[in-house]
Amino acid sequence: MGFDTERLTLRGRLAVKEADARNLELSIQGDVEAVRLLLPPFAPVVELKTQQAAVQAVELAAKHTEYLGLVAEIAAMKKALG
């Protein structure tokens, strides 16, 4: 495989990773909003949906970790491309 072919392949993988990161970012923003809706700041404590918020927060944390990994991969790919 020639150098140009490798660069094109890497550019294609980079585009896929960037699209994955954008989709994951949108999903994370949705999770953040969901947690906020479950824990309104001025609601009485008895009305807070803490169990649901906790489940959503765990999912949010997992997605955030995945997102940070994608961002690191994207940065490495961009550095390799120069």
PDB file of N, CA and C in Angstrom:
ATOM      1  N   MET A   1       0.857  -1.171   0.000  1.00  0.00           N
ATOM      2  CA  MET A   1       0.000   0.000   0.000  1.00  0.00           C
ATOM      3  C   MET A   1       0.901   1.231   0.000  1.00  0.00           C
ATOM      4  N   GLY A   2       0.641   2.154  -0.871  1.00  0.00           N
ATOM      5  CA  GLY A   2       1.440   3.363  -0.974  1.00  0.00           C
ATOM      6  C   GLY A   2       1.085   4.375   0.091  1.00  0.00           C
ATOM      7  N   PHE A   3       1.960   5.351   0.244  1.00  0.00           N
ATOM      8  CA  PHE A   3       1.770   6.397   1.244  1.00  0.00           C
ATOM      9  C   PHE A   3       0.466   7.156   1.023  1.00  0.00           C
ATOM     10  N   ASP A   4       0.157   7.468  -0.230  1.00  0.00           N
ATOM     11  CA  ASP A   4      -1.087   8.203  -0.529  1.00  0.00           C
ATOM     12  C   ASP A   4      -2.310   7.388  -0.151  1.00  0.00           C
ATOM     13  N   THR A   5      -2.257   6.104  -0.399  1.00  0.00           N
ATOM     14  CA  THR A   5      -3.382   5.229  -0.048  1.00  0.00           C
ATOM     15  C   THR A   5      -3.559   5.175   1.464  1.00  0.00           C
ATOM     16  N   GLU A   6      -2.451   5.119   2.189  1.00  0.00           N
ATOM     17  CA  GLU A   6      -2.525   5.108   3.653  1.00  0.00           C
ATOM     18  C   GLU A   6      -3.129   6.402   4.178  1.00  0.00           C
ATOM     19  N   ARG A   7      -2.727   7.530   3.590  1.00  0.00           N
ATOM     20  CA  ARG A   7      -3.281   8.826   4.016  1.00  0.00           C
ATOM     21  C   ARG A   7      -4.783   8.888   3.739  1.00  0.00           C
ATOM     22  N   LEU A   8      -5.190   8.406   2.568  1.00  0.00           N
ATOM     23  CA  LEU A   8      -6.624   8.413   2.240  1.00  0.00           C
ATOM     24  C   LEU A   8      -7.403   7.515   3.191  1.00  0.00           C
ATOM     25  N   THR A   9      -6.832   6.379   3.511  1.00  0.00           N
ATOM     26  CA  THR A   9      -7.487   5.462   4.449  1.00  0.00           C
ATOM     27  C   THR A   9      -7.615   6.118   5.817  1.00  0.00           C
ATOM     28  N   LEU A  10      -6.547   6.770   6.259  1.00  0.00           N
ATOM     29  CA  LEU A  10      -6.575   7.446   7.556  1.00  0.00           C
ATOM     30  C   LEU A  10      -7.582   8.594   7.544  1.00  0.00           C
ATOM     31  N   ARG A  11      -7.646   9.328   6.443  1.00  0.00           N
ATOM     32  CA  ARG A  11      -8.633  10.419   6.340  1.00  0.00           C
ATOM     33  C   ARG A  11     -10.067   9.865   6.430  1.00  0.00           C
ATOM     34  N   GLY A  12     -10.298   8.725   5.802  1.00  0.00           N
ATOM     35  CA  GLY A  12     -11.618   8.097   5.877  1.00  0.00           C
ATOM     36  C   GLY A  12     -11.963   7.673   7.293  1.00  0.00           C
ATOM     37  N   ARG A  13     -11.004   7.069   7.977  1.00  0.00           N
ATOM     38  CA  ARG A  13     -11.230   6.663   9.364  1.00  0.00           C
ATOM     39  C   ARG A  13     -11.441   7.872  10.257  1.00  0.00           C
ATOM     40  N   LEU A  14     -10.698   8.941   9.975  1.00  0.00           N
ATOM     41  CA  LEU A  14     -10.855  10.179  10.737  1.00  0.00           C
ATOM     42  C   LEU A  14     -12.264  10.735  10.561  1.00  0.00           C
ATOM     43  N   ALA A  15     -12.754  10.741   9.342  1.00  0.00           N
ATOM     44  CA  ALA A  15     -14.110  11.244   9.080  1.00  0.00           C
ATOM     45  C   ALA A  15     -15.153  10.434   9.842  1.00  0.00           C
ATOM     46  N   VAL A  16     -14.971   9.122   9.890  1.00  0.00           N
ATOM     47  CA  VAL A  16     -15.906   8.260  10.625  1.00  0.00           C
ATOM     48  C   VAL A  16     -15.846   8.576  12.114  1.00  0.00           C
ATOM     49  N   LYS A  17     -14.639   8.706  12.655  1.00  0.00           N
ATOM     50  CA  LYS A  17     -14.473   9.014  14.082  1.00  0.00           C
ATOM     51  C   LYS A  17     -15.082  10.375  14.417  1.00  0.00           C
ATOM     52  N   GLU A  18     -14.900  11.349  13.537  1.00  0.00           N
ATOM     53  CA  GLU A  18     -15.474  12.677  13.778  1.00  0.00           C
ATOM     54  C   GLU A  18     -16.994  12.624  13.769  1.00  0.00           C
ATOM     55  N   ALA A  19     -17.567  11.847  12.875  1.00  0.00           N
ATOM     56  CA  ALA A  19     -19.024  11.695  12.838  1.00  0.00           C
ATOM     57  C   ALA A  19     -19.509  10.987  14.107  1.00  0.00           C
ATOM     58  N   ASP A  20     -18.775   9.963  14.533  1.00  0.00           N
ATOM     59  CA  ASP A  20     -19.126   9.265  15.772  1.00  0.00           C
ATOM     60  C   ASP A  20     -19.079  10.221  16.960  1.00  0.00           C
ATOM     61  N   ALA A  21     -18.057  11.066  16.998  1.00  0.00           N
ATOM     62  CA  ALA A  21     -17.918  12.029  18.095  1.00  0.00           C
ATOM     63  C   ALA A  21     -19.075  13.030  18.094  1.00  0.00           C
ATOM     64  N   ARG A  22     -19.465  13.504  16.917  1.00  0.00           N
ATOM     65  CA  ARG A  22     -20.594  14.450  16.836  1.00  0.00           C
ATOM     66  C   ARG A  22     -21.879  13.790  17.332  1.00  0.00           C
ATOM     67  N   ASN A  23     -22.120  12.557  16.906  1.00  0.00           N
ATOM     68  CA  ASN A  23     -23.326  11.847  17.340  1.00  0.00           C
ATOM     69  C   ASN A  23     -23.314  11.609  18.845  1.00  0.00           C
ATOM     70  N   LEU A  24     -22.160  11.238  19.360  1.00  0.00           N
ATOM     71  CA  LEU A  24     -22.043  10.996  20.793  1.00  0.00           C
ATOM     72  C   LEU A  24     -22.218  12.295  21.578  1.00  0.00           C
ATOM     73  N   GLU A  25     -21.695  13.384  21.045  1.00  0.00           N
ATOM     74  CA  GLU A  25     -21.851  14.686  21.699  1.00  0.00           C
ATOM     75  C   GLU A  25     -23.328  15.067  21.795  1.00  0.00           C
ATOM     76  N   LEU A  26     -24.081  14.835  20.733  1.00  0.00           N
ATOM     77  CA  LEU A  26     -25.518  15.121  20.765  1.00  0.00           C
ATOM     78  C   LEU A  26     -26.233  14.258  21.798  1.00  0.00           C
ATOM     79  N   SER A  27     -25.845  12.993  21.866  1.00  0.00           N
ATOM     80  CA  SER A  27     -26.445  12.086  22.834  1.00  0.00           C
ATOM     81  C   SER A  27     -26.117  12.523  24.263  1.00  0.00           C
ATOM     82  N   ILE A  28     -24.886  12.958  24.479  1.00  0.00           N
ATOM     83  CA  ILE A  28     -24.479  13.446  25.799  1.00  0.00           C
ATOM     84  C   ILE A  28     -25.281  14.686  26.177  1.00  0.00           C
ATOM     85  N   GLN A  29     -25.448  15.600  25.242  1.00  0.00           N
ATOM     86  CA  GLN A  29     -26.236  16.800  25.524  1.00  0.00           C
ATOM     87  C   GLN A  29     -27.669  16.435  25.910  1.00  0.00           C
ATOM     88  N   GLY A  30     -28.224  15.420  25.257  1.00  0.00           N
ATOM     89  CA  GLY A  30     -29.560  14.948  25.610  1.00  0.00           C
ATOM     90  C   GLY A  30     -29.605  14.369  27.005  1.00  0.00           C
ATOM     91  N   ASP A  31     -28.575  13.608  27.366  1.00  0.00           N
ATOM     92  CA  ASP A  31     -28.516  13.037  28.714  1.00  0.00           C
ATOM     93  C   ASP A  31     -28.384  14.116  29.777  1.00  0.00           C
ATOM     94  N   VAL A  32     -27.586  15.126  29.503  1.00  0.00           N
ATOM     95  CA  VAL A  32     -27.433  16.236  30.444  1.00  0.00           C
ATOM     96  C   VAL A  32     -28.792  16.912  30.665  1.00  0.00           C
ATOM     97  N   GLU A  33     -29.499  17.153  29.588  1.00  0.00           N
ATOM     98  CA  GLU A  33     -30.820  17.784  29.699  1.00  0.00           C
ATOM     99  C   GLU A  33     -31.784  16.885  30.473  1.00  0.00           C
ATOM    100  N   ALA A  34     -31.715  15.581  30.234  1.00  0.00           N
ATOM    101  CA  ALA A  34     -32.592  14.642  30.941  1.00  0.00           C
ATOM    102  C   ALA A  34     -32.324  14.670  32.441  1.00  0.00           C
ATOM    103  N   VAL A  35     -31.057  14.698  32.827  1.00  0.00           N
ATOM    104  CA  VAL A  35     -30.722  14.765  34.257  1.00  0.00           C
ATOM    105  C   VAL A  35     -31.231  16.070  34.852  1.00  0.00           C
ATOM    106  N   ARG A  36     -31.063  17.153  34.127  1.00  0.00           N
ATOM    107  CA  ARG A  36     -31.557  18.450  34.627  1.00  0.00           C
ATOM    108  C   ARG A  36     -33.075  18.438  34.828  1.00  0.00           C
ATOM    109  N   LEU A  37     -33.777  17.798  33.905  1.00  0.00           N
ATOM    110  CA  LEU A  37     -35.237  17.738  34.034  1.00  0.00           C
ATOM    111  C   LEU A  37     -35.656  16.882  35.229  1.00  0.00           C
ATOM    112  N   LEU A  38     -34.864  15.876  35.538  1.00  0.00           N
ATOM    113  CA  LEU A  38     -35.173  15.000  36.669  1.00  0.00           C
ATOM    114  C   LEU A  38     -34.810  15.633  38.011  1.00  0.00           C
ATOM    115  N   LEU A  39     -33.929  16.635  37.978  1.00  0.00           N
ATOM    116  CA  LEU A  39     -33.484  17.301  39.207  1.00  0.00           C
ATOM    117  C   LEU A  39     -33.624  18.822  39.090  1.00  0.00           C
ATOM    118  N   PRO A  40     -34.854  19.312  38.947  1.00  0.00           N
ATOM    119  CA  PRO A  40     -35.026  20.763  38.820  1.00  0.00           C
ATOM    120  C   PRO A  40     -34.526  21.473  40.082  1.00  0.00           C
ATOM    121  N   PRO A  41     -33.832  22.592  39.924  1.00  0.00           N
ATOM    122  CA  PRO A  41     -33.173  23.233  41.066  1.00  0.00           C
ATOM    123  C   PRO A  41     -34.106  23.763  42.156  1.00  0.00           C
ATOM    124  N   PHE A  42     -35.324  24.126  41.827  1.00  0.00           N
ATOM    125  CA  PHE A  42     -36.211  24.714  42.833  1.00  0.00           C
ATOM    126  C   PHE A  42     -37.365  23.795  43.221  1.00  0.00           C
ATOM    127  N   ALA A  43     -37.292  22.533  42.808  1.00  0.00           N
ATOM    128  CA  ALA A  43     -38.344  21.577  43.161  1.00  0.00           C
ATOM    129  C   ALA A  43     -38.171  21.131  44.608  1.00  0.00           C
ATOM    130  N   PRO A  44     -39.279  20.853  45.265  1.00  0.00           N
ATOM    131  CA  PRO A  44     -39.172  20.292  46.624  1.00  0.00           C
ATOM    132  C   PRO A  44     -38.425  18.948  46.568  1.00  0.00           C
ATOM    133  N   VAL A  45     -37.710  18.648  47.613  1.00  0.00           N
ATOM    134  CA  VAL A  45     -36.888  17.441  47.651  1.00  0.00           C
ATOM    135  C   VAL A  45     -37.723  16.184  47.400  1.00  0.00           C
ATOM    136  N   VAL A  46     -38.935  16.146  47.881  1.00  0.00           N
ATOM    137  CA  VAL A  46     -39.764  14.946  47.712  1.00  0.00           C
ATOM    138  C   VAL A  46     -40.145  14.709  46.251  1.00  0.00           C
ATOM    139  N   GLU A  47     -40.059  15.739  45.426  1.00  0.00           N
ATOM    140  CA  GLU A  47     -40.421  15.601  44.014  1.00  0.00           C
ATOM    141  C   GLU A  47     -39.242  15.219  43.113  1.00  0.00           C
ATOM    142  N   LEU A  48     -38.034  15.212  43.649  1.00  0.00           N
ATOM    143  CA  LEU A  48     -36.855  14.879  42.843  1.00  0.00           C
ATOM    144  C   LEU A  48     -36.892  13.405  42.446  1.00  0.00           C
ATOM    145  N   LYS A  49     -36.546  13.155  41.233  1.00  0.00           N
ATOM    146  CA  LYS A  49     -36.525  11.779  40.712  1.00  0.00           C
ATOM    147  C   LYS A  49     -35.074  11.289  40.728  1.00  0.00           C
ATOM    148  N   THR A  50     -34.591  11.056  41.941  1.00  0.00           N
ATOM    149  CA  THR A  50     -33.167  10.765  42.127  1.00  0.00           C
ATOM    150  C   THR A  50     -32.743   9.418  41.548  1.00  0.00           C
ATOM    151  N   GLN A  51     -33.566   8.410  41.662  1.00  0.00           N
ATOM    152  CA  GLN A  51     -33.202   7.094  41.124  1.00  0.00           C
ATOM    153  C   GLN A  51     -33.037   7.161  39.613  1.00  0.00           C
ATOM    154  N   GLN A  52     -33.992   7.785  38.937  1.00  0.00           N
ATOM    155  CA  GLN A  52     -33.912   7.929  37.483  1.00  0.00           C
ATOM    156  C   GLN A  52     -32.719   8.794  37.086  1.00  0.00           C
ATOM    157  N   ALA A  53     -32.471   9.855  37.857  1.00  0.00           N
ATOM    158  CA  ALA A  53     -31.342  10.732  37.569  1.00  0.00           C
ATOM    159  C   ALA A  53     -30.021   9.979  37.732  1.00  0.00           C
ATOM    160  N   ALA A  54     -29.949   9.114  38.730  1.00  0.00           N
ATOM    161  CA  ALA A  54     -28.727   8.341  38.951  1.00  0.00           C
ATOM    162  C   ALA A  54     -28.452   7.391  37.793  1.00  0.00           C
ATOM    163  N   VAL A  55     -29.482   6.722  37.315  1.00  0.00           N
ATOM    164  CA  VAL A  55     -29.324   5.817  36.170  1.00  0.00           C
ATOM    165  C   VAL A  55     -28.872   6.608  34.941  1.00  0.00           C
ATOM    166  N   GLN A  56     -29.503   7.736  34.711  1.00  0.00           N
ATOM    167  CA  GLN A  56     -29.147   8.579  33.566  1.00  0.00           C
ATOM    168  C   GLN A  56     -27.726   9.107  33.700  1.00  0.00           C
ATOM    169  N   ALA A  57     -27.325   9.461  34.919  1.00  0.00           N
ATOM    170  CA  ALA A  57     -25.983   9.988  35.150  1.00  0.00           C
ATOM    171  C   ALA A  57     -24.914   8.931  34.902  1.00  0.00           C
ATOM    172  N   VAL A  58     -25.205   7.681  35.252  1.00  0.00           N
ATOM    173  CA  VAL A  58     -24.246   6.599  34.988  1.00  0.00           C
ATOM    174  C   VAL A  58     -24.076   6.419  33.480  1.00  0.00           C
ATOM    175  N   GLU A  59     -25.169   6.446  32.745  1.00  0.00           N
ATOM    176  CA  GLU A  59     -25.096   6.354  31.285  1.00  0.00           C
ATOM    177  C   GLU A  59     -24.320   7.542  30.717  1.00  0.00           C
ATOM    178  N   LEU A  60     -24.567   8.723  31.258  1.00  0.00           N
ATOM    179  CA  LEU A  60     -23.869   9.924  30.831  1.00  0.00           C
ATOM    180  C   LEU A  60     -22.363   9.790  31.062  1.00  0.00           C
ATOM    181  N   ALA A  61     -21.978   9.277  32.210  1.00  0.00           N
ATOM    182  CA  ALA A  61     -20.556   9.119  32.530  1.00  0.00           C
ATOM    183  C   ALA A  61     -19.879   8.145  31.557  1.00  0.00           C
ATOM    184  N   ALA A  62     -20.561   7.066  31.222  1.00  0.00           N
ATOM    185  CA  ALA A  62     -19.992   6.096  30.274  1.00  0.00           C
ATOM    186  C   ALA A  62     -19.818   6.728  28.896  1.00  0.00           C
ATOM    187  N   LYS A  63     -20.816   7.467  28.454  1.00  0.00           N
ATOM    188  CA  LYS A  63     -20.728   8.132  27.150  1.00  0.00           C
ATOM    189  C   LYS A  63     -19.626   9.190  27.150  1.00  0.00           C
ATOM    190  N   HIS A  64     -19.491   9.892  28.254  1.00  0.00           N
ATOM    191  CA  HIS A  64     -18.469  10.925  28.350  1.00  0.00           C
ATOM    192  C   HIS A  64     -17.072  10.314  28.249  1.00  0.00           C
ATOM    193  N   THR A  65     -16.867   9.194  28.916  1.00  0.00           N
ATOM    194  CA  THR A  65     -15.584   8.498  28.837  1.00  0.00           C
ATOM    195  C   THR A  65     -15.306   8.052  27.405  1.00  0.00           C
ATOM    196  N   GLU A  66     -16.315   7.502  26.750  1.00  0.00           N
ATOM    197  CA  GLU A  66     -16.168   7.091  25.350  1.00  0.00           C
ATOM    198  C   GLU A  66     -15.850   8.291  24.462  1.00  0.00           C
ATOM    199  N   TYR A  67     -16.525   9.400  24.711  1.00  0.00           N
ATOM    200  CA  TYR A  67     -16.305  10.626  23.935  1.00  0.00           C
ATOM    201  C   TYR A  67     -14.865  11.117  24.081  1.00  0.00           C
ATOM    202  N   LEU A  68     -14.370  11.129  25.312  1.00  0.00           N
ATOM    203  CA  LEU A  68     -12.992  11.573  25.534  1.00  0.00           C
ATOM    204  C   LEU A  68     -11.997  10.678  24.803  1.00  0.00           C
ATOM    205  N   GLY A  69     -12.272   9.390  24.754  1.00  0.00           N
ATOM    206  CA  GLY A  69     -11.423   8.474  23.996  1.00  0.00           C
ATOM    207  C   GLY A  69     -11.444   8.785  22.508  1.00  0.00           C
ATOM    208  N   LEU A  70     -12.628   9.063  21.988  1.00  0.00           N
ATOM    209  CA  LEU A  70     -12.751   9.430  20.571  1.00  0.00           C
ATOM    210  C   LEU A  70     -12.005  10.715  20.263  1.00  0.00           C
ATOM    211  N   VAL A  71     -12.129  11.687  21.143  1.00  0.00           N
ATOM    212  CA  VAL A  71     -11.436  12.962  20.941  1.00  0.00           C
ATOM    213  C   VAL A  71      -9.920  12.737  20.907  1.00  0.00           C
ATOM    214  N   ALA A  72      -9.412  11.876  21.767  1.00  0.00           N
ATOM    215  CA  ALA A  72      -7.978  11.571  21.787  1.00  0.00           C
ATOM    216  C   ALA A  72      -7.553  10.868  20.497  1.00  0.00           C
ATOM    217  N   GLU A  73      -8.383   9.923  20.025  1.00  0.00           N
ATOM    218  CA  GLU A  73      -8.085   9.237  18.763  1.00  0.00           C
ATOM    219  C   GLU A  73      -8.065  10.215  17.603  1.00  0.00           C
ATOM    220  N   ILE A  74      -9.037  11.112  17.568  1.00  0.00           N
ATOM    221  CA  ILE A  74      -9.117  12.107  16.496  1.00  0.00           C
ATOM    222  C   ILE A  74      -7.880  12.996  16.510  1.00  0.00           C
ATOM    223  N   ALA A  75      -7.481  13.433  17.694  1.00  0.00           N
ATOM    224  CA  ALA A  75      -6.284  14.279  17.789  1.00  0.00           C
ATOM    225  C   ALA A  75      -5.048  13.540  17.297  1.00  0.00           C
ATOM    226  N   ALA A  76      -4.925  12.262  17.638  1.00  0.00           N
ATOM    227  CA  ALA A  76      -3.772  11.473  17.182  1.00  0.00           C
ATOM    228  C   ALA A  76      -3.788  11.300  15.666  1.00  0.00           C
ATOM    229  N   MET A  77      -4.960  11.070  15.107  1.00  0.00           N
ATOM    230  CA  MET A  77      -5.081  10.918  13.657  1.00  0.00           C
ATOM    231  C   MET A  77      -4.710  12.221  12.938  1.00  0.00           C
ATOM    232  N   LYS A  78      -5.193  13.337  13.470  1.00  0.00           N
ATOM    233  CA  LYS A  78      -4.887  14.633  12.854  1.00  0.00           C
ATOM    234  C   LYS A  78      -3.399  14.924  12.942  1.00  0.00           C
ATOM    235  N   LYS A  79      -2.791  14.566  14.039  1.00  0.00           N
ATOM    236  CA  LYS A  79      -1.352  14.771  14.199  1.00  0.00           C
ATOM    237  C   LYS A  79      -0.586  13.907  13.187  1.00  0.00           C
ATOM    238  N   ALA A  80      -1.028  12.669  12.990  1.00  0.00           N
ATOM    239  CA  ALA A  80      -0.372  11.783  12.043  1.00  0.00           C
ATOM    240  C   ALA A  80      -0.508  12.310  10.604  1.00  0.00           C
ATOM    241  N   LEU A  81      -1.634  12.952  10.339  1.00  0.00           N
ATOM    242  CA  LEU A  81      -1.837  13.498   8.991  1.00  0.00           C
ATOM    243  C   LEU A  81      -1.060  14.788   8.768  1.00  0.00           C
ATOM    244  N   GLY A  82      -0.693  15.424   9.871  1.00  0.00           N
ATOM    245  CA  GLY A  82       0.119  16.639   9.763  1.00  0.00           C
ATOM    246  C   GLY A  82      -0.644  17.875   9.596  1.00  0.00           C
TER     247      GLY A  82
END
